Amino acid sequence: MELYQLRSFQVVARQGHLTQAAELLHLSQPAVTAQIKALEEELGVSLFDRVAGGVQLTDAGSRLLVDAERVLSDARALIDHAKSMEGELRGRVRIGTLIVPARLRLGQWLRDVQRRHPLLEVHTRLGLSRDLLGEIRRNNLDCGFFLGRDSFSGMSAITLAELGFCVAIPSELADALAHADWQQMNNTPWLGVSPRSTIATMTAELWRQHNIHPRVVGEFDDEATLAELIKNGLGLALLAERTARRFAADGAFVLWRGGEVVSRAPLQFIYPSEREGDPLLMGLRDSLKTIWDLP
């Protein structure tokens, strides 16, 4: 048997669906099916049963998955050990970043990474949290940042900070809304946010909590755009506290109830759990913990 067959076995077992597993493995569904069939023939047992909507492990498959995952873990440990023997970390690392680099302390972190590991080549890719999570799962990124809460199946996550969020109001509505209650806020348009954004999830949760259903204007996907549109009177929006206070201090808009924090979300660093122990990712993680003063 081959390690790639065990890897396919593991991914199909986790996904419960051949097509989804094939997407994560960057293979065609027939190729994954052929690998599973070859593994079953070599082991002499059936690993999966077909069920409505996908596949599920047989009793034998459940028991053998434990062994397969141990073999894969041992193989990864062997690779990590070999890499650690090379001495200096080298190669390319792909990091998913969010829209506000200063919030991530990105410059400080990458400067420290360069000082510690001068042979590392860093590539960054900007995106929204859930898009970056998907790219890490598909192995198109090695690690990245995530704003918000998630179960992070198959991921390791380190919380860097807890960010507060405020409601920003166009200046011309300051007298009417600066101290309004939530029901009054229901009668004013809100700026729509991309559903892939954490701010969209937080906004929807606030509306549910306070039983309001305001009219939504458009759909936008970054804080700078939201701030500009609030400044020009198009509607209200939830903004990160630090961003909101900076713009409010410049007179771009006002903050509801003096900048009351209405919601919070963790800023996290994520990477695949199966790469725990990978010298490259552990080097990045240790540097990041230093920058954020984490144990």
C-alpha atoms as a PDB file:
ATOM      1  CA  MET A   1       0.000   0.000   0.000  1.00  0.00           C
ATOM      2  CA  GLU A   2       1.024   3.629  -0.522  1.00  0.00           C
ATOM      3  CA  LEU A   3       0.819   6.631   1.773  1.00  0.00           C
ATOM      4  CA  TYR A   4      -1.294   8.492  -0.776  1.00  0.00           C
ATOM      5  CA  GLN A   5      -3.896   5.709  -0.544  1.00  0.00           C
ATOM      6  CA  LEU A   6      -4.018   6.055   3.232  1.00  0.00           C
ATOM      7  CA  ARG A   7      -4.314   9.819   2.870  1.00  0.00           C
ATOM      8  CA  SER A   8      -7.289   9.396   0.523  1.00  0.00           C
ATOM      9  CA  PHE A   9      -8.836   6.899   2.972  1.00  0.00           C
ATOM     10  CA  GLN A  10      -8.471   9.456   5.775  1.00  0.00           C
ATOM     11  CA  VAL A  11      -9.961  12.355   3.806  1.00  0.00           C
ATOM     12  CA  VAL A  12     -12.921  10.332   2.496  1.00  0.00           C
ATOM     13  CA  ALA A  13     -13.614   9.151   6.051  1.00  0.00           C
ATOM     14  CA  ARG A  14     -13.574  12.749   7.341  1.00  0.00           C
ATOM     15  CA  GLN A  15     -15.733  14.139   4.547  1.00  0.00           C
ATOM     16  CA  GLY A  16     -18.154  11.253   4.166  1.00  0.00           C
ATOM     17  CA  HIS A  17     -18.387  12.157   0.487  1.00  0.00           C
ATOM     18  CA  LEU A  18     -16.169  11.126  -2.445  1.00  0.00           C
ATOM     19  CA  THR A  19     -16.616  14.331  -4.458  1.00  0.00           C
ATOM     20  CA  GLN A  20     -15.752  16.600  -1.528  1.00  0.00           C
ATOM     21  CA  ALA A  21     -12.751  14.438  -0.673  1.00  0.00           C
ATOM     22  CA  ALA A  22     -11.560  14.563  -4.288  1.00  0.00           C
ATOM     23  CA  GLU A  23     -11.710  18.370  -4.239  1.00  0.00           C
ATOM     24  CA  LEU A  24      -9.583  18.541  -1.103  1.00  0.00           C
ATOM     25  CA  LEU A  25      -7.104  16.034  -2.543  1.00  0.00           C
ATOM     26  CA  HIS A  26      -6.977  17.835  -5.929  1.00  0.00           C
ATOM     27  CA  LEU A  27      -7.915  14.593  -7.673  1.00  0.00           C
ATOM     28  CA  SER A  28     -10.822  13.419  -9.788  1.00  0.00           C
ATOM     29  CA  GLN A  29     -13.546  11.386  -8.081  1.00  0.00           C
ATOM     30  CA  PRO A  30     -12.739   8.284 -10.193  1.00  0.00           C
ATOM     31  CA  ALA A  31      -9.095   8.536  -9.094  1.00  0.00           C
ATOM     32  CA  VAL A  32     -10.079   8.634  -5.415  1.00  0.00           C
ATOM     33  CA  THR A  33     -12.534   5.757  -5.926  1.00  0.00           C
ATOM     34  CA  ALA A  34      -9.783   3.712  -7.592  1.00  0.00           C
ATOM     35  CA  GLN A  35      -7.385   4.370  -4.705  1.00  0.00           C
ATOM     36  CA  ILE A  36      -9.956   3.282  -2.131  1.00  0.00           C
ATOM     37  CA  LYS A  37     -10.790   0.148  -4.163  1.00  0.00           C
ATOM     38  CA  ALA A  38      -7.095  -0.770  -4.484  1.00  0.00           C
ATOM     39  CA  LEU A  39      -6.599  -0.299  -0.748  1.00  0.00           C
ATOM     40  CA  GLU A  40      -9.655  -2.448   0.032  1.00  0.00           C
ATOM     41  CA  GLU A  41      -8.358  -5.195  -2.257  1.00  0.00           C
ATOM     42  CA  GLU A  42      -4.945  -5.159  -0.610  1.00  0.00           C
ATOM     43  CA  LEU A  43      -6.399  -5.161   2.921  1.00  0.00           C
ATOM     44  CA  GLY A  44      -9.068  -7.696   2.039  1.00  0.00           C
ATOM     45  CA  VAL A  45     -11.900  -5.761   3.708  1.00  0.00           C
ATOM     46  CA  SER A  46     -14.541  -3.237   2.696  1.00  0.00           C
ATOM     47  CA  LEU A  47     -13.795   0.209   4.143  1.00  0.00           C
ATOM     48  CA  PHE A  48     -16.972   2.092   3.203  1.00  0.00           C
ATOM     49  CA  ASP A  49     -20.661   1.548   2.635  1.00  0.00           C
ATOM     50  CA  ARG A  50     -22.594   3.762   0.238  1.00  0.00           C
ATOM     51  CA  VAL A  51     -25.413   5.691   1.929  1.00  0.00           C
ATOM     52  CA  ALA A  52     -27.778   8.453   0.870  1.00  0.00           C
ATOM     53  CA  GLY A  53     -25.685  11.554   0.307  1.00  0.00           C
ATOM     54  CA  GLY A  54     -22.275   9.909   0.453  1.00  0.00           C
ATOM     55  CA  VAL A  55     -20.358   7.093   2.133  1.00  0.00           C
ATOM     56  CA  GLN A  56     -19.807   5.925   5.699  1.00  0.00           C
ATOM     57  CA  LEU A  57     -17.167   3.758   7.320  1.00  0.00           C
ATOM     58  CA  THR A  58     -17.822   0.079   7.835  1.00  0.00           C
ATOM     59  CA  ASP A  59     -16.948  -1.420  11.213  1.00  0.00           C
ATOM     60  CA  ALA A  60     -13.661  -2.633   9.741  1.00  0.00           C
ATOM     61  CA  GLY A  61     -13.059   0.773   8.178  1.00  0.00           C
ATOM     62  CA  SER A  62     -13.533   2.532  11.530  1.00  0.00           C
ATOM     63  CA  ARG A  63     -11.015   0.251  13.192  1.00  0.00           C
ATOM     64  CA  LEU A  64      -8.470   0.486  10.378  1.00  0.00           C
ATOM     65  CA  LEU A  65      -8.766   4.279  10.169  1.00  0.00           C
ATOM     66  CA  VAL A  66      -7.072   4.503  13.565  1.00  0.00           C
ATOM     67  CA  ASP A  67      -4.116   2.514  12.209  1.00  0.00           C
ATOM     68  CA  ALA A  68      -4.026   4.505   8.971  1.00  0.00           C
ATOM     69  CA  GLU A  69      -3.940   7.815  10.846  1.00  0.00           C
ATOM     70  CA  ARG A  70      -1.125   6.526  13.043  1.00  0.00           C
ATOM     71  CA  VAL A  71       0.901   5.561   9.957  1.00  0.00           C
ATOM     72  CA  LEU A  72       0.281   8.997   8.399  1.00  0.00           C
ATOM     73  CA  SER A  73       1.245  10.715  11.634  1.00  0.00           C
ATOM     74  CA  ASP A  74       4.446   8.665  11.860  1.00  0.00           C
ATOM     75  CA  ALA A  75       5.271   9.519   8.244  1.00  0.00           C
ATOM     76  CA  ARG A  76       4.748  13.223   8.928  1.00  0.00           C
ATOM     77  CA  ALA A  77       6.916  12.973  12.058  1.00  0.00           C
ATOM     78  CA  LEU A  78       9.664  11.340   9.974  1.00  0.00           C
ATOM     79  CA  ILE A  79       9.540  14.197   7.459  1.00  0.00           C
ATOM     80  CA  ASP A  80       9.540  16.808  10.244  1.00  0.00           C
ATOM     81  CA  HIS A  81      12.508  15.110  11.902  1.00  0.00           C
ATOM     82  CA  ALA A  82      14.419  15.122   8.635  1.00  0.00           C
ATOM     83  CA  LYS A  83      13.635  18.806   8.108  1.00  0.00           C
ATOM     84  CA  SER A  84      14.781  19.674  11.616  1.00  0.00           C
ATOM     85  CA  MET A  85      18.118  18.004  10.866  1.00  0.00           C
ATOM     86  CA  GLU A  86      18.705  20.379   7.981  1.00  0.00           C
ATOM     87  CA  GLY A  87      19.375  23.187  10.435  1.00  0.00           C
ATOM     88  CA  GLU A  88      18.251  26.438   8.856  1.00  0.00           C
ATOM     89  CA  LEU A  89      14.605  26.664   7.806  1.00  0.00           C
ATOM     90  CA  ARG A  90      14.266  27.306   4.101  1.00  0.00           C
ATOM     91  CA  GLY A  91      11.664  27.206   1.376  1.00  0.00           C
ATOM     92  CA  ARG A  92       8.447  29.071   0.592  1.00  0.00           C
ATOM     93  CA  VAL A  93       5.618  29.676   3.028  1.00  0.00           C
ATOM     94  CA  ARG A  94       2.158  30.906   1.949  1.00  0.00           C
ATOM     95  CA  ILE A  95       0.251  32.979   4.514  1.00  0.00           C
ATOM     96  CA  GLY A  96      -3.355  34.157   4.285  1.00  0.00           C
ATOM     97  CA  THR A  97      -3.770  37.719   5.578  1.00  0.00           C
ATOM     98  CA  LEU A  98      -6.744  39.957   6.382  1.00  0.00           C
ATOM     99  CA  ILE A  99      -7.499  43.443   5.124  1.00  0.00           C
ATOM    100  CA  VAL A 100      -5.826  45.465   7.924  1.00  0.00           C
ATOM    101  CA  PRO A 101      -2.154  44.393   8.198  1.00  0.00           C
ATOM    102  CA  ALA A 102      -1.453  46.615  11.222  1.00  0.00           C
ATOM    103  CA  ARG A 103      -4.176  44.763  13.150  1.00  0.00           C
ATOM    104  CA  LEU A 104      -2.275  41.515  12.522  1.00  0.00           C
ATOM    105  CA  ARG A 105       1.078  43.075  13.495  1.00  0.00           C
ATOM    106  CA  LEU A 106       2.123  41.682  10.141  1.00  0.00           C
ATOM    107  CA  GLY A 107       5.144  43.936   9.603  1.00  0.00           C
ATOM    108  CA  GLN A 108       6.581  43.215  13.047  1.00  0.00           C
ATOM    109  CA  TRP A 109       5.982  39.494  12.643  1.00  0.00           C
ATOM    110  CA  LEU A 110       7.527  39.118   9.188  1.00  0.00           C
ATOM    111  CA  ARG A 111      10.510  41.227  10.206  1.00  0.00           C
ATOM    112  CA  ASP A 112      11.085  38.842  13.126  1.00  0.00           C
ATOM    113  CA  VAL A 113      10.612  35.819  10.833  1.00  0.00           C
ATOM    114  CA  GLN A 114      13.192  37.210   8.413  1.00  0.00           C
ATOM    115  CA  ARG A 115      15.639  37.820  11.258  1.00  0.00           C
ATOM    116  CA  ARG A 116      15.218  34.291  12.613  1.00  0.00           C
ATOM    117  CA  HIS A 117      14.940  32.444   9.292  1.00  0.00           C
ATOM    118  CA  PRO A 118      16.585  34.473   6.503  1.00  0.00           C
ATOM    119  CA  LEU A 119      16.278  31.619   3.977  1.00  0.00           C
ATOM    120  CA  LEU A 120      12.466  31.510   4.208  1.00  0.00           C
ATOM    121  CA  GLU A 121      10.571  33.034   1.285  1.00  0.00           C
ATOM    122  CA  VAL A 122       7.253  34.468   2.484  1.00  0.00           C
ATOM    123  CA  HIS A 123       4.235  34.879   0.191  1.00  0.00           C
ATOM    124  CA  THR A 124       1.008  36.481   1.458  1.00  0.00           C
ATOM    125  CA  ARG A 125      -2.491  36.334   0.005  1.00  0.00           C
ATOM    126  CA  LEU A 126      -5.217  38.768   1.050  1.00  0.00           C
ATOM    127  CA  GLY A 127      -8.742  37.492   1.639  1.00  0.00           C
ATOM    128  CA  LEU A 128     -11.766  37.202   3.907  1.00  0.00           C
ATOM    129  CA  SER A 129     -11.567  34.850   6.883  1.00  0.00           C
ATOM    130  CA  ARG A 130     -13.724  32.022   5.520  1.00  0.00           C
ATOM    131  CA  ASP A 131     -12.073  32.180   2.112  1.00  0.00           C
ATOM    132  CA  LEU A 132      -8.646  31.849   3.739  1.00  0.00           C
ATOM    133  CA  LEU A 133      -9.832  28.922   5.879  1.00  0.00           C
ATOM    134  CA  GLY A 134     -10.971  27.131   2.711  1.00  0.00           C
ATOM    135  CA  GLU A 135      -7.658  27.807   0.972  1.00  0.00           C
ATOM    136  CA  ILE A 136      -5.722  26.379   3.926  1.00  0.00           C
ATOM    137  CA  ARG A 137      -7.917  23.274   3.903  1.00  0.00           C
ATOM    138  CA  ARG A 138      -7.262  22.862   0.163  1.00  0.00           C
ATOM    139  CA  ASN A 139      -3.502  23.210   0.796  1.00  0.00           C
ATOM    140  CA  ASN A 140      -3.308  26.373  -1.301  1.00  0.00           C
ATOM    141  CA  LEU A 141      -2.081  28.214   1.803  1.00  0.00           C
ATOM    142  CA  ASP A 142       0.092  26.941   4.654  1.00  0.00           C
ATOM    143  CA  CYS A 143      -1.457  29.060   7.395  1.00  0.00           C
ATOM    144  CA  GLY A 144      -3.294  32.320   7.929  1.00  0.00           C
ATOM    145  CA  PHE A 145      -5.403  34.612  10.073  1.00  0.00           C
ATOM    146  CA  PHE A 146      -9.087  34.207  10.922  1.00  0.00           C
ATOM    147  CA  LEU A 147     -11.374  36.767  12.547  1.00  0.00           C
ATOM    148  CA  GLY A 148     -14.337  35.182  14.302  1.00  0.00           C
ATOM    149  CA  ARG A 149     -15.395  31.870  15.799  1.00  0.00           C
ATOM    150  CA  ASP A 150     -15.375  28.484  14.067  1.00  0.00           C
ATOM    151  CA  SER A 151     -15.109  24.824  15.018  1.00  0.00           C
ATOM    152  CA  PHE A 152     -11.919  24.676  12.893  1.00  0.00           C
ATOM    153  CA  SER A 153     -12.289  20.974  12.098  1.00  0.00           C
ATOM    154  CA  GLY A 154      -8.848  19.632  11.242  1.00  0.00           C
ATOM    155  CA  MET A 155      -7.220  22.954  12.172  1.00  0.00           C
ATOM    156  CA  SER A 156      -5.070  24.206  15.036  1.00  0.00           C
ATOM    157  CA  ALA A 157      -5.963  27.722  16.180  1.00  0.00           C
ATOM    158  CA  ILE A 158      -4.151  30.221  18.417  1.00  0.00           C
ATOM    159  CA  THR A 159      -6.139  33.179  19.740  1.00  0.00           C
ATOM    160  CA  LEU A 160      -4.095  36.365  19.427  1.00  0.00           C
ATOM    161  CA  ALA A 161      -6.601  38.951  20.680  1.00  0.00           C
ATOM    162  CA  GLU A 162     -10.291  39.632  21.279  1.00  0.00           C
ATOM    163  CA  LEU A 163     -11.508  42.549  19.138  1.00  0.00           C
ATOM    164  CA  GLY A 164     -14.449  44.793  19.984  1.00  0.00           C
ATOM    165  CA  PHE A 165     -16.898  46.179  17.402  1.00  0.00           C
ATOM    166  CA  CYS A 166     -18.941  49.409  17.388  1.00  0.00           C
ATOM    167  CA  VAL A 167     -21.793  50.778  15.279  1.00  0.00           C
ATOM    168  CA  ALA A 168     -20.767  53.741  13.091  1.00  0.00           C
ATOM    169  CA  ILE A 169     -23.390  56.331  12.085  1.00  0.00           C
ATOM    170  CA  PRO A 170     -23.327  59.031   9.361  1.00  0.00           C
ATOM    171  CA  SER A 171     -22.697  62.464  10.916  1.00  0.00           C
ATOM    172  CA  GLU A 172     -26.002  63.865   9.641  1.00  0.00           C
ATOM    173  CA  LEU A 173     -27.839  61.247  11.722  1.00  0.00           C
ATOM    174  CA  ALA A 174     -25.883  61.927  14.911  1.00  0.00           C
ATOM    175  CA  ASP A 175     -28.631  63.937  16.627  1.00  0.00           C
ATOM    176  CA  ALA A 176     -31.298  61.366  15.808  1.00  0.00           C
ATOM    177  CA  LEU A 177     -29.360  58.147  16.486  1.00  0.00           C
ATOM    178  CA  ALA A 178     -26.328  58.781  18.684  1.00  0.00           C
ATOM    179  CA  HIS A 179     -28.276  57.571  21.750  1.00  0.00           C
ATOM    180  CA  ALA A 180     -31.088  55.664  20.021  1.00  0.00           C
ATOM    181  CA  ASP A 181     -32.299  52.225  21.059  1.00  0.00           C
ATOM    182  CA  TRP A 182     -32.136  49.196  18.760  1.00  0.00           C
ATOM    183  CA  GLN A 183     -35.706  49.610  17.543  1.00  0.00           C
ATOM    184  CA  GLN A 184     -34.913  53.121  16.338  1.00  0.00           C
ATOM    185  CA  MET A 185     -31.858  51.710  14.568  1.00  0.00           C
ATOM    186  CA  ASN A 186     -34.240  49.380  12.722  1.00  0.00           C
ATOM    187  CA  ASN A 187     -35.654  52.342  10.775  1.00  0.00           C
ATOM    188  CA  THR A 188     -32.292  53.379   9.294  1.00  0.00           C
ATOM    189  CA  PRO A 189     -30.582  51.644   6.326  1.00  0.00           C
ATOM    190  CA  TRP A 190     -27.581  49.455   7.121  1.00  0.00           C
ATOM    191  CA  LEU A 191     -24.748  48.712   4.731  1.00  0.00           C
ATOM    192  CA  GLY A 192     -24.732  45.098   3.553  1.00  0.00           C
ATOM    193  CA  VAL A 193     -21.575  43.050   4.072  1.00  0.00           C
ATOM    194  CA  SER A 194     -20.293  40.054   2.085  1.00  0.00           C
ATOM    195  CA  PRO A 195     -21.649  36.855   3.696  1.00  0.00           C
ATOM    196  CA  ARG A 196     -18.075  35.487   3.661  1.00  0.00           C
ATOM    197  CA  SER A 197     -17.068  38.250   6.100  1.00  0.00           C
ATOM    198  CA  THR A 198     -17.090  37.833   9.867  1.00  0.00           C
ATOM    199  CA  ILE A 199     -18.699  41.281  10.167  1.00  0.00           C
ATOM    200  CA  ALA A 200     -21.732  39.958   8.251  1.00  0.00           C
ATOM    201  CA  THR A 201     -22.130  37.071  10.716  1.00  0.00           C
ATOM    202  CA  MET A 202     -21.772  39.389  13.716  1.00  0.00           C
ATOM    203  CA  THR A 203     -24.226  41.927  12.286  1.00  0.00           C
ATOM    204  CA  ALA A 204     -26.831  39.246  11.581  1.00  0.00           C
ATOM    205  CA  GLU A 205     -26.436  37.899  15.131  1.00  0.00           C
ATOM    206  CA  LEU A 206     -26.953  41.384  16.605  1.00  0.00           C
ATOM    207  CA  TRP A 207     -30.112  41.827  14.557  1.00  0.00           C
ATOM    208  CA  ARG A 208     -31.424  38.482  15.783  1.00  0.00           C
ATOM    209  CA  GLN A 209     -30.635  39.336  19.406  1.00  0.00           C
ATOM    210  CA  HIS A 210     -32.495  42.636  19.213  1.00  0.00           C
ATOM    211  CA  ASN A 211     -35.255  41.430  16.885  1.00  0.00           C
ATOM    212  CA  ILE A 212     -34.720  44.024  14.164  1.00  0.00           C
ATOM    213  CA  HIS A 213     -34.817  43.649  10.376  1.00  0.00           C
ATOM    214  CA  PRO A 214     -33.441  46.870   8.849  1.00  0.00           C
ATOM    215  CA  ARG A 215     -33.272  47.627   5.147  1.00  0.00           C
ATOM    216  CA  VAL A 216     -29.885  46.657   3.670  1.00  0.00           C
ATOM    217  CA  VAL A 217     -28.035  48.801   1.139  1.00  0.00           C
ATOM    218  CA  GLY A 218     -25.684  46.935  -1.232  1.00  0.00           C
ATOM    219  CA  GLU A 219     -23.011  44.404  -0.286  1.00  0.00           C
ATOM    220  CA  PHE A 220     -19.426  45.370   0.528  1.00  0.00           C
ATOM    221  CA  ASP A 221     -16.422  43.367   1.704  1.00  0.00           C
ATOM    222  CA  ASP A 222     -13.887  45.585   3.496  1.00  0.00           C
ATOM    223  CA  GLU A 223     -13.831  48.089   6.351  1.00  0.00           C
ATOM    224  CA  ALA A 224     -12.279  50.925   4.351  1.00  0.00           C
ATOM    225  CA  THR A 225     -15.196  50.812   1.893  1.00  0.00           C
ATOM    226  CA  LEU A 226     -17.741  50.634   4.721  1.00  0.00           C
ATOM    227  CA  ALA A 227     -16.125  53.623   6.445  1.00  0.00           C
ATOM    228  CA  GLU A 228     -16.192  55.682   3.237  1.00  0.00           C
ATOM    229  CA  LEU A 229     -19.860  54.879   2.615  1.00  0.00           C
ATOM    230  CA  ILE A 230     -20.850  55.691   6.205  1.00  0.00           C
ATOM    231  CA  LYS A 231     -18.986  58.985   5.873  1.00  0.00           C
ATOM    232  CA  ASN A 232     -21.088  59.781   2.817  1.00  0.00           C
ATOM    233  CA  GLY A 233     -24.363  58.960   4.526  1.00  0.00           C
ATOM    234  CA  LEU A 234     -25.349  55.687   2.829  1.00  0.00           C
ATOM    235  CA  GLY A 235     -26.090  53.822   6.031  1.00  0.00           C
ATOM    236  CA  LEU A 236     -24.906  52.330   9.333  1.00  0.00           C
ATOM    237  CA  ALA A 237     -22.408  49.497   9.784  1.00  0.00           C
ATOM    238  CA  LEU A 238     -20.491  47.507  12.350  1.00  0.00           C
ATOM    239  CA  LEU A 239     -16.758  48.344  12.419  1.00  0.00           C
ATOM    240  CA  ALA A 240     -13.814  47.146  14.483  1.00  0.00           C
ATOM    241  CA  GLU A 241     -13.439  49.445  17.505  1.00  0.00           C
ATOM    242  CA  ARG A 242      -9.946  50.689  16.654  1.00  0.00           C
ATOM    243  CA  THR A 243     -10.895  51.482  13.054  1.00  0.00           C
ATOM    244  CA  ALA A 244     -14.169  53.099  14.104  1.00  0.00           C
ATOM    245  CA  ARG A 245     -12.541  55.351  16.694  1.00  0.00           C
ATOM    246  CA  ARG A 246      -9.816  56.440  14.272  1.00  0.00           C
ATOM    247  CA  PHE A 247     -12.317  57.537  11.623  1.00  0.00           C
ATOM    248  CA  ALA A 248     -14.616  59.124  14.211  1.00  0.00           C
ATOM    249  CA  ALA A 249     -11.703  61.149  15.614  1.00  0.00           C
ATOM    250  CA  ASP A 250     -11.138  62.549  12.105  1.00  0.00           C
ATOM    251  CA  GLY A 251     -14.797  63.577  11.898  1.00  0.00           C
ATOM    252  CA  ALA A 252     -15.742  61.051   9.209  1.00  0.00           C
ATOM    253  CA  PHE A 253     -18.763  59.851  11.218  1.00  0.00           C
ATOM    254  CA  VAL A 254     -19.986  59.404  14.775  1.00  0.00           C
ATOM    255  CA  LEU A 255     -20.201  56.303  16.956  1.00  0.00           C
ATOM    256  CA  TRP A 256     -23.446  55.026  18.431  1.00  0.00           C
ATOM    257  CA  ARG A 257     -23.624  55.591  22.190  1.00  0.00           C
ATOM    258  CA  GLY A 258     -20.133  57.064  22.236  1.00  0.00           C
ATOM    259  CA  GLY A 259     -18.504  53.964  20.815  1.00  0.00           C
ATOM    260  CA  GLU A 260     -20.169  51.269  22.934  1.00  0.00           C
ATOM    261  CA  VAL A 261     -18.741  47.834  22.105  1.00  0.00           C
ATOM    262  CA  VAL A 262     -21.738  45.814  20.927  1.00  0.00           C
ATOM    263  CA  SER A 263     -19.952  42.622  19.862  1.00  0.00           C
ATOM    264  CA  ARG A 264     -16.598  40.881  20.128  1.00  0.00           C
ATOM    265  CA  ALA A 265     -14.677  38.412  17.956  1.00  0.00           C
ATOM    266  CA  PRO A 266     -11.342  36.619  18.411  1.00  0.00           C
ATOM    267  CA  LEU A 267      -8.477  37.200  16.013  1.00  0.00           C
ATOM    268  CA  GLN A 268      -6.815  33.824  15.456  1.00  0.00           C
ATOM    269  CA  PHE A 269      -3.872  32.227  13.671  1.00  0.00           C
ATOM    270  CA  ILE A 270      -4.747  28.891  12.042  1.00  0.00           C
ATOM    271  CA  TYR A 271      -2.908  26.027  10.341  1.00  0.00           C
ATOM    272  CA  PRO A 272      -3.631  22.333   9.593  1.00  0.00           C
ATOM    273  CA  SER A 273      -3.554  20.151  12.709  1.00  0.00           C
ATOM    274  CA  GLU A 274      -1.821  17.408  10.736  1.00  0.00           C
ATOM    275  CA  ARG A 275       1.164  19.753  10.337  1.00  0.00           C
ATOM    276  CA  GLU A 276       1.626  20.178  14.078  1.00  0.00           C
ATOM    277  CA  GLY A 277       5.347  19.658  14.548  1.00  0.00           C
ATOM    278  CA  ASP A 278       6.296  20.831  11.040  1.00  0.00           C
ATOM    279  CA  PRO A 279       9.482  22.876  11.718  1.00  0.00           C
ATOM    280  CA  LEU A 280       8.471  25.542   9.199  1.00  0.00           C
ATOM    281  CA  LEU A 281       5.052  26.190  10.747  1.00  0.00           C
ATOM    282  CA  MET A 282       6.350  25.846  14.281  1.00  0.00           C
ATOM    283  CA  GLY A 283       8.998  28.463  13.481  1.00  0.00           C
ATOM    284  CA  LEU A 284       6.317  30.859  12.229  1.00  0.00           C
ATOM    285  CA  ARG A 285       4.103  30.119  15.234  1.00  0.00           C
ATOM    286  CA  ASP A 286       6.886  30.702  17.758  1.00  0.00           C
ATOM    287  CA  SER A 287       7.782  34.021  16.144  1.00  0.00           C
ATOM    288  CA  LEU A 288       4.131  35.111  16.125  1.00  0.00           C
ATOM    289  CA  LYS A 289       3.746  34.229  19.816  1.00  0.00           C
ATOM    290  CA  THR A 290       6.758  36.384  20.584  1.00  0.00           C
ATOM    291  CA  ILE A 291       5.283  39.361  18.733  1.00  0.00           C
ATOM    292  CA  TRP A 292       1.920  38.958  20.504  1.00  0.00           C
ATOM    293  CA  ASP A 293       3.583  38.204  23.872  1.00  0.00           C
ATOM    294  CA  LEU A 294       1.836  34.838  24.209  1.00  0.00           C
ATOM    295  CA  PRO A 295       3.059  31.877  26.281  1.00  0.00           C
END
